[in-house]
Every structure is written in C-alpha cells, then in structure tokens.
Amino acid sequence: MQAEAALKIVRDVLDERKGQFITTLDVRDKTSFTDYMVLVTGTSTRHIQSLCDHVVAKLAEHGVTPLGLEGGMNADWVLLDLGDVIVHAMTAQARALYQLEKLWSIEPNTRQEATPG
C-alpha cells in the first residue's frame, strides 16, 4: 500500500474515533525511516489504545500489518509503526511534554558547524 493511501486511512480512522488535534508531519526530507508521522491526542489512556486498535483493524482489511507497537494499556504514549506512516497517540500531557511538532520542525542541513579558529 502506498504511503499516502495508508495515511488517509489512518487520518480517517482517528477522526471517526474522535481523536483530537490530529497533525500530520511530512518527514520525508528529514529521515529515512518513515515518510509521515501522525500525532493524535486521546482523552484517556484507554482512548489512546482504542485509537491504535481501530487503525490496526482497518489497515488489516487492506492487508497491512504493523511493524511494531510500543506502549499499551495505561500508557500515556502509544507508538504504532506502519512503516511509511508512524502514529503517535498521546495524552494531552505527554504531547505537551514531548512537543514532537517542535522537535520535527527543525529544517534539515541547517545545523551550523563550529569553525576552527
């Protein structure tokens, strides 16, 4: 399945299941391990797990199996690795603490090198 098709399914499921503040980060020019990261806030740890469970179930209908799942019941942050798309489902507190949008907003190749003096 193409990354964009998987991304659309992920976003649709998260929206249907009342995920909050769904944000897609295009990281194709920043990393080689994935194309997109989808961040979503859940209202509770149970809601976070449910969001990921429903994404997995919907993608299974299309023959897509996750590469990995980190976190689980009672976790403030669940990471669902779908290869070209990674889902970060978090509580509002975890999302505010880790600020992934800010972390991944750094432009590639903008790091300044120290010049020998």
PDB file of N, CA and C in Angstrom:
ATOM      1  N   MET A   1       0.849  -1.174   0.000  1.00  0.00           N
ATOM      2  CA  MET A   1       0.000   0.000   0.000  1.00  0.00           C
ATOM      3  C   MET A   1       0.897   1.241   0.000  1.00  0.00           C
ATOM      4  N   GLN A   2       0.540   2.196  -0.811  1.00  0.00           N
ATOM      5  CA  GLN A   2       1.280   3.446  -0.891  1.00  0.00           C
ATOM      6  C   GLN A   2       1.151   4.227   0.418  1.00  0.00           C
ATOM      7  N   ALA A   3       2.172   4.999   0.745  1.00  0.00           N
ATOM      8  CA  ALA A   3       2.196   5.770   1.991  1.00  0.00           C
ATOM      9  C   ALA A   3       0.989   6.716   2.086  1.00  0.00           C
ATOM     10  N   GLU A   4       0.650   7.367   0.991  1.00  0.00           N
ATOM     11  CA  GLU A   4      -0.444   8.335   1.007  1.00  0.00           C
ATOM     12  C   GLU A   4      -1.789   7.656   1.263  1.00  0.00           C
ATOM     13  N   ALA A   5      -1.980   6.448   0.730  1.00  0.00           N
ATOM     14  CA  ALA A   5      -3.221   5.707   0.957  1.00  0.00           C
ATOM     15  C   ALA A   5      -3.319   5.277   2.414  1.00  0.00           C
ATOM     16  N   ALA A   6      -2.216   4.793   2.965  1.00  0.00           N
ATOM     17  CA  ALA A   6      -2.196   4.399   4.381  1.00  0.00           C
ATOM     18  C   ALA A   6      -2.441   5.615   5.269  1.00  0.00           C
ATOM     19  N   LEU A   7      -1.834   6.732   4.910  1.00  0.00           N
ATOM     20  CA  LEU A   7      -2.009   7.968   5.671  1.00  0.00           C
ATOM     21  C   LEU A   7      -3.470   8.394   5.702  1.00  0.00           C
ATOM     22  N   LYS A   8      -4.141   8.310   4.559  1.00  0.00           N
ATOM     23  CA  LYS A   8      -5.561   8.692   4.507  1.00  0.00           C
ATOM     24  C   LYS A   8      -6.407   7.790   5.401  1.00  0.00           C
ATOM     25  N   ILE A   9      -6.149   6.498   5.370  1.00  0.00           N
ATOM     26  CA  ILE A   9      -6.894   5.572   6.224  1.00  0.00           C
ATOM     27  C   ILE A   9      -6.650   5.906   7.686  1.00  0.00           C
ATOM     28  N   VAL A  10      -5.398   6.113   8.055  1.00  0.00           N
ATOM     29  CA  VAL A  10      -5.053   6.432   9.444  1.00  0.00           C
ATOM     30  C   VAL A  10      -5.784   7.689   9.895  1.00  0.00           C
ATOM     31  N   ARG A  11      -5.696   8.744   9.106  1.00  0.00           N
ATOM     32  CA  ARG A  11      -6.342  10.007   9.480  1.00  0.00           C
ATOM     33  C   ARG A  11      -7.860   9.859   9.574  1.00  0.00           C
ATOM     34  N   ASP A  12      -8.456   9.124   8.636  1.00  0.00           N
ATOM     35  CA  ASP A  12      -9.911   8.921   8.661  1.00  0.00           C
ATOM     36  C   ASP A  12     -10.344   8.171   9.913  1.00  0.00           C
ATOM     37  N   VAL A  13      -9.620   7.101  10.250  1.00  0.00           N
ATOM     38  CA  VAL A  13      -9.983   6.315  11.439  1.00  0.00           C
ATOM     39  C   VAL A  13      -9.831   7.153  12.697  1.00  0.00           C
ATOM     40  N   LEU A  14      -8.736   7.883  12.816  1.00  0.00           N
ATOM     41  CA  LEU A  14      -8.520   8.708  14.005  1.00  0.00           C
ATOM     42  C   LEU A  14      -9.612   9.759  14.144  1.00  0.00           C
ATOM     43  N   ASP A  15     -10.021  10.346  13.029  1.00  0.00           N
ATOM     44  CA  ASP A  15     -11.090  11.339  13.059  1.00  0.00           C
ATOM     45  C   ASP A  15     -12.425  10.699  13.434  1.00  0.00           C
ATOM     46  N   GLU A  16     -12.748   9.558  12.826  1.00  0.00           N
ATOM     47  CA  GLU A  16     -14.002   8.858  13.121  1.00  0.00           C
ATOM     48  C   GLU A  16     -14.086   8.453  14.591  1.00  0.00           C
ATOM     49  N   ARG A  17     -12.947   8.125  15.184  1.00  0.00           N
ATOM     50  CA  ARG A  17     -12.901   7.650  16.566  1.00  0.00           C
ATOM     51  C   ARG A  17     -12.634   8.760  17.567  1.00  0.00           C
ATOM     52  N   LYS A  18     -12.840   9.987  17.121  1.00  0.00           N
ATOM     53  CA  LYS A  18     -12.770  11.172  17.974  1.00  0.00           C
ATOM     54  C   LYS A  18     -11.383  11.483  18.512  1.00  0.00           C
ATOM     55  N   GLY A  19     -10.345  11.172  17.725  1.00  0.00           N
ATOM     56  CA  GLY A  19      -9.009  11.624  18.087  1.00  0.00           C
ATOM     57  C   GLY A  19      -8.964  13.140  17.999  1.00  0.00           C
ATOM     58  N   GLN A  20      -8.204  13.757  18.867  1.00  0.00           N
ATOM     59  CA  GLN A  20      -8.149  15.212  18.919  1.00  0.00           C
ATOM     60  C   GLN A  20      -6.821  15.724  18.365  1.00  0.00           C
ATOM     61  N   PHE A  21      -6.862  16.916  17.791  1.00  0.00           N
ATOM     62  CA  PHE A  21      -5.658  17.614  17.329  1.00  0.00           C
ATOM     63  C   PHE A  21      -4.786  16.717  16.444  1.00  0.00           C
ATOM     64  N   ILE A  22      -5.399  16.135  15.429  1.00  0.00           N
ATOM     65  CA  ILE A  22      -4.690  15.249  14.507  1.00  0.00           C
ATOM     66  C   ILE A  22      -3.769  16.102  13.635  1.00  0.00           C
ATOM     67  N   THR A  23      -2.494  15.778  13.684  1.00  0.00           N
ATOM     68  CA  THR A  23      -1.483  16.532  12.947  1.00  0.00           C
ATOM     69  C   THR A  23      -0.635  15.571  12.137  1.00  0.00           C
ATOM     70  N   THR A  24      -0.408  15.898  10.880  1.00  0.00           N
ATOM     71  CA  THR A  24       0.457  15.085  10.029  1.00  0.00           C
ATOM     72  C   THR A  24       1.752  15.834   9.787  1.00  0.00           C
ATOM     73  N   LEU A  25       2.868  15.171  10.063  1.00  0.00           N
ATOM     74  CA  LEU A  25       4.185  15.733   9.800  1.00  0.00           C
ATOM     75  C   LEU A  25       4.792  14.987   8.621  1.00  0.00           C
ATOM     76  N   ASP A  26       5.134  15.717   7.590  1.00  0.00           N
ATOM     77  CA  ASP A  26       5.811  15.139   6.429  1.00  0.00           C
ATOM     78  C   ASP A  26       7.309  15.181   6.734  1.00  0.00           C
ATOM     79  N   VAL A  27       7.891  14.013   6.976  1.00  0.00           N
ATOM     80  CA  VAL A  27       9.307  13.948   7.384  1.00  0.00           C
ATOM     81  C   VAL A  27      10.176  13.278   6.320  1.00  0.00           C
ATOM     82  N   ARG A  28       9.678  13.236   5.097  1.00  0.00           N
ATOM     83  CA  ARG A  28      10.430  12.585   4.017  1.00  0.00           C
ATOM     84  C   ARG A  28      11.797  13.212   3.802  1.00  0.00           C
ATOM     85  N   ASP A  29      11.910  14.508   3.999  1.00  0.00           N
ATOM     86  CA  ASP A  29      13.192  15.176   3.788  1.00  0.00           C
ATOM     87  C   ASP A  29      14.026  15.264   5.063  1.00  0.00           C
ATOM     88  N   LYS A  30      13.544  14.643   6.136  1.00  0.00           N
ATOM     89  CA  LYS A  30      14.238  14.731   7.422  1.00  0.00           C
ATOM     90  C   LYS A  30      14.751  13.399   7.941  1.00  0.00           C
ATOM     91  N   THR A  31      14.192  12.299   7.440  1.00  0.00           N
ATOM     92  CA  THR A  31      14.590  10.987   7.925  1.00  0.00           C
ATOM     93  C   THR A  31      14.337   9.934   6.851  1.00  0.00           C
ATOM     94  N   SER A  32      15.022   8.818   6.986  1.00  0.00           N
ATOM     95  CA  SER A  32      14.848   7.750   6.000  1.00  0.00           C
ATOM     96  C   SER A  32      13.981   6.609   6.534  1.00  0.00           C
ATOM     97  N   PHE A  33      13.591   6.650   7.798  1.00  0.00           N
ATOM     98  CA  PHE A  33      12.870   5.506   8.355  1.00  0.00           C
ATOM     99  C   PHE A  33      11.355   5.572   8.200  1.00  0.00           C
ATOM    100  N   THR A  34      10.820   6.719   7.810  1.00  0.00           N
ATOM    101  CA  THR A  34       9.386   6.842   7.580  1.00  0.00           C
ATOM    102  C   THR A  34       9.125   8.058   6.709  1.00  0.00           C
ATOM    103  N   ASP A  35       7.930   8.124   6.153  1.00  0.00           N
ATOM    104  CA  ASP A  35       7.549   9.276   5.338  1.00  0.00           C
ATOM    105  C   ASP A  35       6.704  10.281   6.120  1.00  0.00           C
ATOM    106  N   TYR A  36       5.791   9.751   6.938  1.00  0.00           N
ATOM    107  CA  TYR A  36       4.857  10.608   7.669  1.00  0.00           C
ATOM    108  C   TYR A  36       4.750  10.179   9.120  1.00  0.00           C
ATOM    109  N   MET A  37       4.562  11.167   9.983  1.00  0.00           N
ATOM    110  CA  MET A  37       4.212  10.916  11.372  1.00  0.00           C
ATOM    111  C   MET A  37       2.861  11.569  11.604  1.00  0.00           C
ATOM    112  N   VAL A  38       1.983  10.819  12.227  1.00  0.00           N
ATOM    113  CA  VAL A  38       0.669  11.354  12.567  1.00  0.00           C
ATOM    114  C   VAL A  38       0.600  11.423  14.086  1.00  0.00           C
ATOM    115  N   LEU A  39       0.343  12.612  14.596  1.00  0.00           N
ATOM    116  CA  LEU A  39       0.195  12.819  16.025  1.00  0.00           C
ATOM    117  C   LEU A  39      -1.275  13.007  16.327  1.00  0.00           C
ATOM    118  N   VAL A  40      -1.727  12.362  17.393  1.00  0.00           N
ATOM    119  CA  VAL A  40      -3.123  12.492  17.789  1.00  0.00           C
ATOM    120  C   VAL A  40      -3.193  12.479  19.317  1.00  0.00           C
ATOM    121  N   THR A  41      -4.088  13.260  19.849  1.00  0.00           N
ATOM    122  CA  THR A  41      -4.304  13.312  21.290  1.00  0.00           C
ATOM    123  C   THR A  41      -5.559  12.526  21.613  1.00  0.00           C
ATOM    124  N   GLY A  42      -5.439  11.672  22.630  1.00  0.00           N
ATOM    125  CA  GLY A  42      -6.581  10.926  23.132  1.00  0.00           C
ATOM    126  C   GLY A  42      -7.019  11.488  24.467  1.00  0.00           C
ATOM    127  N   THR A  43      -8.259  11.239  24.820  1.00  0.00           N
ATOM    128  CA  THR A  43      -8.815  11.790  26.056  1.00  0.00           C
ATOM    129  C   THR A  43      -8.425  10.989  27.291  1.00  0.00           C
ATOM    130  N   SER A  44      -7.933   9.766  27.091  1.00  0.00           N
ATOM    131  CA  SER A  44      -7.519   8.909  28.211  1.00  0.00           C
ATOM    132  C   SER A  44      -6.590   7.832  27.658  1.00  0.00           C
ATOM    133  N   THR A  45      -5.955   7.087  28.548  1.00  0.00           N
ATOM    134  CA  THR A  45      -5.088   6.007  28.083  1.00  0.00           C
ATOM    135  C   THR A  45      -5.901   4.934  27.367  1.00  0.00           C
ATOM    136  N   ARG A  46      -7.109   4.694  27.807  1.00  0.00           N
ATOM    137  CA  ARG A  46      -7.982   3.728  27.127  1.00  0.00           C
ATOM    138  C   ARG A  46      -8.343   4.211  25.723  1.00  0.00           C
ATOM    139  N   HIS A  47      -8.611   5.504  25.586  1.00  0.00           N
ATOM    140  CA  HIS A  47      -8.942   6.073  24.282  1.00  0.00           C
ATOM    141  C   HIS A  47      -7.745   5.958  23.335  1.00  0.00           C
ATOM    142  N   ILE A  48      -6.547   6.228  23.840  1.00  0.00           N
ATOM    143  CA  ILE A  48      -5.330   6.120  23.037  1.00  0.00           C
ATOM    144  C   ILE A  48      -5.179   4.699  22.493  1.00  0.00           C
ATOM    145  N   GLN A  49      -5.340   3.714  23.357  1.00  0.00           N
ATOM    146  CA  GLN A  49      -5.218   2.324  22.930  1.00  0.00           C
ATOM    147  C   GLN A  49      -6.292   1.965  21.913  1.00  0.00           C
ATOM    148  N   SER A  50      -7.499   2.447  22.140  1.00  0.00           N
ATOM    149  CA  SER A  50      -8.603   2.180  21.221  1.00  0.00           C
ATOM    150  C   SER A  50      -8.339   2.787  19.840  1.00  0.00           C
ATOM    151  N   LEU A  51      -7.817   4.000  19.807  1.00  0.00           N
ATOM    152  CA  LEU A  51      -7.492   4.632  18.522  1.00  0.00           C
ATOM    153  C   LEU A  51      -6.538   3.751  17.725  1.00  0.00           C
ATOM    154  N   CYS A  52      -5.480   3.275  18.384  1.00  0.00           N
ATOM    155  CA  CYS A  52      -4.490   2.438  17.691  1.00  0.00           C
ATOM    156  C   CYS A  52      -5.082   1.097  17.283  1.00  0.00           C
ATOM    157  N   ASP A  53      -5.891   0.506  18.143  1.00  0.00           N
ATOM    158  CA  ASP A  53      -6.530  -0.776  17.814  1.00  0.00           C
ATOM    159  C   ASP A  53      -7.395  -0.650  16.557  1.00  0.00           C
ATOM    160  N   HIS A  54      -8.135   0.443  16.453  1.00  0.00           N
ATOM    161  CA  HIS A  54      -9.004   0.636  15.290  1.00  0.00           C
ATOM    162  C   HIS A  54      -8.201   0.910  14.016  1.00  0.00           C
ATOM    163  N   VAL A  55      -7.089   1.618  14.141  1.00  0.00           N
ATOM    164  CA  VAL A  55      -6.220   1.829  12.976  1.00  0.00           C
ATOM    165  C   VAL A  55      -5.680   0.489  12.490  1.00  0.00           C
ATOM    166  N   VAL A  56      -5.211  -0.337  13.419  1.00  0.00           N
ATOM    167  CA  VAL A  56      -4.671  -1.661  13.067  1.00  0.00           C
ATOM    168  C   VAL A  56      -5.743  -2.504  12.376  1.00  0.00           C
ATOM    169  N   ALA A  57      -6.952  -2.505  12.925  1.00  0.00           N
ATOM    170  CA  ALA A  57      -8.038  -3.310  12.354  1.00  0.00           C
ATOM    171  C   ALA A  57      -8.400  -2.846  10.943  1.00  0.00           C
ATOM    172  N   LYS A  58      -8.473  -1.538  10.740  1.00  0.00           N
ATOM    173  CA  LYS A  58      -8.842  -1.011   9.417  1.00  0.00           C
ATOM    174  C   LYS A  58      -7.759  -1.313   8.384  1.00  0.00           C
ATOM    175  N   LEU A  59      -6.496  -1.164   8.772  1.00  0.00           N
ATOM    176  CA  LEU A  59      -5.415  -1.452   7.833  1.00  0.00           C
ATOM    177  C   LEU A  59      -5.311  -2.945   7.536  1.00  0.00           C
ATOM    178  N   ALA A  60      -5.665  -3.784   8.494  1.00  0.00           N
ATOM    179  CA  ALA A  60      -5.665  -5.234   8.274  1.00  0.00           C
ATOM    180  C   ALA A  60      -6.636  -5.605   7.157  1.00  0.00           C
ATOM    181  N   GLU A  61      -7.729  -4.859   7.036  1.00  0.00           N
ATOM    182  CA  GLU A  61      -8.687  -5.085   5.951  1.00  0.00           C
ATOM    183  C   GLU A  61      -8.034  -4.863   4.580  1.00  0.00           C
ATOM    184  N   HIS A  62      -6.960  -4.095   4.564  1.00  0.00           N
ATOM    185  CA  HIS A  62      -6.238  -3.791   3.322  1.00  0.00           C
ATOM    186  C   HIS A  62      -4.928  -4.569   3.228  1.00  0.00           C
ATOM    187  N   GLY A  63      -4.755  -5.551   4.103  1.00  0.00           N
ATOM    188  CA  GLY A  63      -3.577  -6.398   4.057  1.00  0.00           C
ATOM    189  C   GLY A  63      -2.325  -5.801   4.669  1.00  0.00           C
ATOM    190  N   VAL A  64      -2.468  -4.738   5.442  1.00  0.00           N
ATOM    191  CA  VAL A  64      -1.322  -4.086   6.070  1.00  0.00           C
ATOM    192  C   VAL A  64      -1.195  -4.550   7.512  1.00  0.00           C
ATOM    193  N   THR A  65      -0.006  -5.028   7.855  1.00  0.00           N
ATOM    194  CA  THR A  65       0.292  -5.461   9.219  1.00  0.00           C
ATOM    195  C   THR A  65       1.298  -4.492   9.823  1.00  0.00           C
ATOM    196  N   PRO A  66       1.062  -4.012  11.039  1.00  0.00           N
ATOM    197  CA  PRO A  66       2.012  -3.097  11.662  1.00  0.00           C
ATOM    198  C   PRO A  66       3.374  -3.755  11.868  1.00  0.00           C
ATOM    199  N   LEU A  67       4.426  -2.949  11.770  1.00  0.00           N
ATOM    200  CA  LEU A  67       5.777  -3.434  12.046  1.00  0.00           C
ATOM    201  C   LEU A  67       6.034  -3.496  13.540  1.00  0.00           C
ATOM    202  N   GLY A  68       5.322  -2.669  14.299  1.00  0.00           N
ATOM    203  CA  GLY A  68       5.522  -2.664  15.742  1.00  0.00           C
ATOM    204  C   GLY A  68       4.520  -1.779  16.445  1.00  0.00           C
ATOM    205  N   LEU A  69       4.397  -2.037  17.739  1.00  0.00           N
ATOM    206  CA  LEU A  69       3.520  -1.258  18.605  1.00  0.00           C
ATOM    207  C   LEU A  69       4.230  -1.114  19.939  1.00  0.00           C
ATOM    208  N   GLU A  70       4.451   0.111  20.356  1.00  0.00           N
ATOM    209  CA  GLU A  70       5.092   0.385  21.640  1.00  0.00           C
ATOM    210  C   GLU A  70       4.095   1.077  22.542  1.00  0.00           C
ATOM    211  N   GLY A  71       4.112   0.742  23.795  1.00  0.00           N
ATOM    212  CA  GLY A  71       3.139   1.280  24.733  1.00  0.00           C
ATOM    213  C   GLY A  71       2.032   0.252  24.894  1.00  0.00           C
ATOM    214  N   GLY A  72       0.912   0.660  25.346  1.00  0.00           N
ATOM    215  CA  GLY A  72      -0.196  -0.264  25.518  1.00  0.00           C
ATOM    216  C   GLY A  72      -1.163   0.285  26.538  1.00  0.00           C
ATOM    217  N   MET A  73      -1.936  -0.597  27.123  1.00  0.00           N
ATOM    218  CA  MET A  73      -2.919  -0.171  28.119  1.00  0.00           C
ATOM    219  C   MET A  73      -2.227   0.634  29.212  1.00  0.00           C
ATOM    220  N   ASN A  74      -2.854   1.705  29.600  1.00  0.00           N
ATOM    221  CA  ASN A  74      -2.372   2.608  30.646  1.00  0.00           C
ATOM    222  C   ASN A  74      -1.128   3.389  30.256  1.00  0.00           C
ATOM    223  N   ALA A  75      -0.782   3.417  28.974  1.00  0.00           N
ATOM    224  CA  ALA A  75       0.368   4.193  28.522  1.00  0.00           C
ATOM    225  C   ALA A  75      -0.090   5.584  28.095  1.00  0.00           C
ATOM    226  N   ASP A  76       0.708   6.590  28.430  1.00  0.00           N
ATOM    227  CA  ASP A  76       0.418   7.966  28.020  1.00  0.00           C
ATOM    228  C   ASP A  76       0.789   8.219  26.573  1.00  0.00           C
ATOM    229  N   TRP A  77       1.534   7.279  25.984  1.00  0.00           N
ATOM    230  CA  TRP A  77       2.016   7.447  24.614  1.00  0.00           C
ATOM    231  C   TRP A  77       2.078   6.063  23.980  1.00  0.00           C
ATOM    232  N   VAL A  78       1.382   5.886  22.881  1.00  0.00           N
ATOM    233  CA  VAL A  78       1.446   4.641  22.118  1.00  0.00           C
ATOM    234  C   VAL A  78       1.981   4.987  20.737  1.00  0.00           C
ATOM    235  N   LEU A  79       3.012   4.253  20.319  1.00  0.00           N
ATOM    236  CA  LEU A  79       3.611   4.438  19.007  1.00  0.00           C
ATOM    237  C   LEU A  79       3.239   3.239  18.152  1.00  0.00           C
ATOM    238  N   LEU A  80       2.634   3.509  17.016  1.00  0.00           N
ATOM    239  CA  LEU A  80       2.225   2.473  16.075  1.00  0.00           C
ATOM    240  C   LEU A  80       3.045   2.651  14.805  1.00  0.00           C
ATOM    241  N   ASP A  81       3.916   1.685  14.517  1.00  0.00           N
ATOM    242  CA  ASP A  81       4.818   1.752  13.371  1.00  0.00           C
ATOM    243  C   ASP A  81       4.201   0.989  12.205  1.00  0.00           C
ATOM    244  N   LEU A  82       3.845   1.729  11.166  1.00  0.00           N
ATOM    245  CA  LEU A  82       3.251   1.142   9.970  1.00  0.00           C
ATOM    246  C   LEU A  82       4.212   1.204   8.786  1.00  0.00           C
ATOM    247  N   GLY A  83       5.470   1.479   9.076  1.00  0.00           N
ATOM    248  CA  GLY A  83       6.471   1.592   8.024  1.00  0.00           C
ATOM    249  C   GLY A  83       6.539   3.008   7.495  1.00  0.00           C
ATOM    250  N   ASP A  84       5.797   3.290   6.433  1.00  0.00           N
ATOM    251  CA  ASP A  84       5.803   4.620   5.828  1.00  0.00           C
ATOM    252  C   ASP A  84       5.049   5.650   6.652  1.00  0.00           C
ATOM    253  N   VAL A  85       4.246   5.177   7.612  1.00  0.00           N
ATOM    254  CA  VAL A  85       3.477   6.065   8.486  1.00  0.00           C
ATOM    255  C   VAL A  85       3.683   5.591   9.928  1.00  0.00           C
ATOM    256  N   ILE A  86       4.002   6.523  10.797  1.00  0.00           N
ATOM    257  CA  ILE A  86       4.105   6.219  12.225  1.00  0.00           C
ATOM    258  C   ILE A  86       3.059   7.056  12.945  1.00  0.00           C
ATOM    259  N   VAL A  87       2.296   6.410  13.821  1.00  0.00           N
ATOM    260  CA  VAL A  87       1.265   7.089  14.595  1.00  0.00           C
ATOM    261  C   VAL A  87       1.770   7.258  16.017  1.00  0.00           C
ATOM    262  N   HIS A  88       1.698   8.479  16.518  1.00  0.00           N
ATOM    263  CA  HIS A  88       1.998   8.781  17.909  1.00  0.00           C
ATOM    264  C   HIS A  88       0.676   9.190  18.552  1.00  0.00           C
ATOM    265  N   ALA A  89       0.098   8.317  19.359  1.00  0.00           N
ATOM    266  CA  ALA A  89      -1.137   8.614  20.072  1.00  0.00           C
ATOM    267  C   ALA A  89      -0.759   8.915  21.522  1.00  0.00           C
ATOM    268  N   MET A  90      -1.125  10.101  21.986  1.00  0.00           N
ATOM    269  CA  MET A  90      -0.647  10.574  23.275  1.00  0.00           C
ATOM    270  C   MET A  90      -1.752  11.259  24.073  1.00  0.00           C
ATOM    271  N   THR A  91      -1.559  11.280  25.397  1.00  0.00           N
ATOM    272  CA  THR A  91      -2.410  12.118  26.222  1.00  0.00           C
ATOM    273  C   THR A  91      -1.992  13.572  25.989  1.00  0.00           C
ATOM    274  N   ALA A  92      -2.840  14.490  26.358  1.00  0.00           N
ATOM    275  CA  ALA A  92      -2.512  15.911  26.192  1.00  0.00           C
ATOM    276  C   ALA A  92      -1.259  16.271  26.978  1.00  0.00           C
ATOM    277  N   GLN A  93      -1.101  15.688  28.161  1.00  0.00           N
ATOM    278  CA  GLN A  93       0.063  15.986  28.991  1.00  0.00           C
ATOM    279  C   GLN A  93       1.345  15.492  28.335  1.00  0.00           C
ATOM    280  N   ALA A  94       1.332  14.288  27.796  1.00  0.00           N
ATOM    281  CA  ALA A  94       2.524  13.738  27.139  1.00  0.00           C
ATOM    282  C   ALA A  94       2.845  14.534  25.880  1.00  0.00           C
ATOM    283  N   ARG A  95       1.835  14.903  25.156  1.00  0.00           N
ATOM    284  CA  ARG A  95       2.071  15.659  23.919  1.00  0.00           C
ATOM    285  C   ARG A  95       2.679  17.024  24.222  1.00  0.00           C
ATOM    286  N   ALA A  96       2.205  17.664  25.276  1.00  0.00           N
ATOM    287  CA  ALA A  96       2.762  18.959  25.667  1.00  0.00           C
ATOM    288  C   ALA A  96       4.198  18.808  26.161  1.00  0.00           C
ATOM    289  N   LEU A  97       4.475  17.723  26.854  1.00  0.00           N
ATOM    290  CA  LEU A  97       5.812  17.499  27.395  1.00  0.00           C
ATOM    291  C   LEU A  97       6.840  17.225  26.301  1.00  0.00           C
ATOM    292  N   TYR A  98       6.518  16.344  25.366  1.00  0.00           N
ATOM    293  CA  TYR A  98       7.498  15.924  24.358  1.00  0.00           C
ATOM    294  C   TYR A  98       7.561  16.830  23.129  1.00  0.00           C
ATOM    295  N   GLN A  99       6.512  17.584  22.844  1.00  0.00           N
ATOM    296  CA  GLN A  99       6.486  18.572  21.772  1.00  0.00           C
ATOM    297  C   GLN A  99       7.102  18.057  20.458  1.00  0.00           C
ATOM    298  N   LEU A 100       6.573  16.946  19.968  1.00  0.00           N
ATOM    299  CA  LEU A 100       7.122  16.356  18.746  1.00  0.00           C
ATOM    300  C   LEU A 100       7.014  17.280  17.537  1.00  0.00           C
ATOM    301  N   GLU A 101       5.963  18.074  17.465  1.00  0.00           N
ATOM    302  CA  GLU A 101       5.844  19.014  16.350  1.00  0.00           C
ATOM    303  C   GLU A 101       7.046  19.958  16.324  1.00  0.00           C
ATOM    304  N   LYS A 102       7.426  20.440  17.476  1.00  0.00           N
ATOM    305  CA  LYS A 102       8.571  21.350  17.563  1.00  0.00           C
ATOM    306  C   LYS A 102       9.872  20.617  17.237  1.00  0.00           C
ATOM    307  N   LEU A 103      10.016  19.423  17.757  1.00  0.00           N
ATOM    308  CA  LEU A 103      11.225  18.638  17.519  1.00  0.00           C
ATOM    309  C   LEU A 103      11.438  18.381  16.032  1.00  0.00           C
ATOM    310  N   TRP A 104      10.378  17.991  15.323  1.00  0.00           N
ATOM    311  CA  TRP A 104      10.491  17.637  13.910  1.00  0.00           C
ATOM    312  C   TRP A 104      10.369  18.833  12.980  1.00  0.00           C
ATOM    313  N   SER A 105      10.220  20.044  13.520  1.00  0.00           N
ATOM    314  CA  SER A 105      10.125  21.224  12.657  1.00  0.00           C
ATOM    315  C   SER A 105      11.490  21.761  12.264  1.00  0.00           C
ATOM    316  N   ILE A 106      12.546  21.241  12.862  1.00  0.00           N
ATOM    317  CA  ILE A 106      13.893  21.688  12.528  1.00  0.00           C
ATOM    318  C   ILE A 106      14.189  21.310  11.089  1.00  0.00           C
ATOM    319  N   GLU A 107      14.611  22.277  10.307  1.00  0.00           N
ATOM    320  CA  GLU A 107      14.897  22.033   8.900  1.00  0.00           C
ATOM    321  C   GLU A 107      16.185  21.224   8.754  1.00  0.00           C
ATOM    322  N   PRO A 108      16.226  20.315   7.790  1.00  0.00           N
ATOM    323  CA  PRO A 108      17.442  19.524   7.585  1.00  0.00           C
ATOM    324  C   PRO A 108      18.585  20.397   7.090  1.00  0.00           C
ATOM    325  N   ASN A 109      19.785  19.987   7.417  1.00  0.00           N
ATOM    326  CA  ASN A 109      21.009  20.646   6.949  1.00  0.00           C
ATOM    327  C   ASN A 109      21.098  22.113   7.360  1.00  0.00           C
ATOM    328  N   THR A 110      20.465  22.488   8.459  1.00  0.00           N
ATOM    329  CA  THR A 110      20.572  23.863   8.925  1.00  0.00           C
ATOM    330  C   THR A 110      21.449  23.949  10.171  1.00  0.00           C
ATOM    331  N   ARG A 111      21.962  22.831  10.600  1.00  0.00           N
ATOM    332  CA  ARG A 111      22.829  22.817  11.774  1.00  0.00           C
ATOM    333  C   ARG A 111      24.128  23.552  11.413  1.00  0.00           C
ATOM    334  N   GLN A 112      24.513  24.449  12.251  1.00  0.00           N
ATOM    335  CA  GLN A 112      25.735  25.194  11.981  1.00  0.00           C
ATOM    336  C   GLN A 112      26.916  24.465  12.584  1.00  0.00           C
ATOM    337  N   GLU A 113      27.927  24.333  11.794  1.00  0.00           N
ATOM    338  CA  GLU A 113      29.159  23.687  12.239  1.00  0.00           C
ATOM    339  C   GLU A 113      30.061  24.738  12.878  1.00  0.00           C
ATOM    340  N   ALA A 114      30.749  24.333  13.908  1.00  0.00           N
ATOM    341  CA  ALA A 114      31.724  25.221  14.529  1.00  0.00           C
ATOM    342  C   ALA A 114      32.919  25.332  13.598  1.00  0.00           C
ATOM    343  N   THR A 115      33.371  26.532  13.384  1.00  0.00           N
ATOM    344  CA  THR A 115      34.543  26.717  12.526  1.00  0.00           C
ATOM    345  C   THR A 115      35.787  26.772  13.402  1.00  0.00           C
ATOM    346  N   PRO A 116      36.821  26.043  12.991  1.00  0.00           N
ATOM    347  CA  PRO A 116      38.043  26.074  13.789  1.00  0.00           C
ATOM    348  C   PRO A 116      38.637  27.478  13.769  1.00  0.00           C
ATOM    349  N   GLY A 117      39.053  27.893  14.904  1.00  0.00           N
ATOM    350  CA  GLY A 117      39.544  29.263  14.950  1.00  0.00           C
ATOM    351  C   GLY A 117      40.863  29.321  15.478  1.00  0.00           C
TER     352      GLY A 117
END
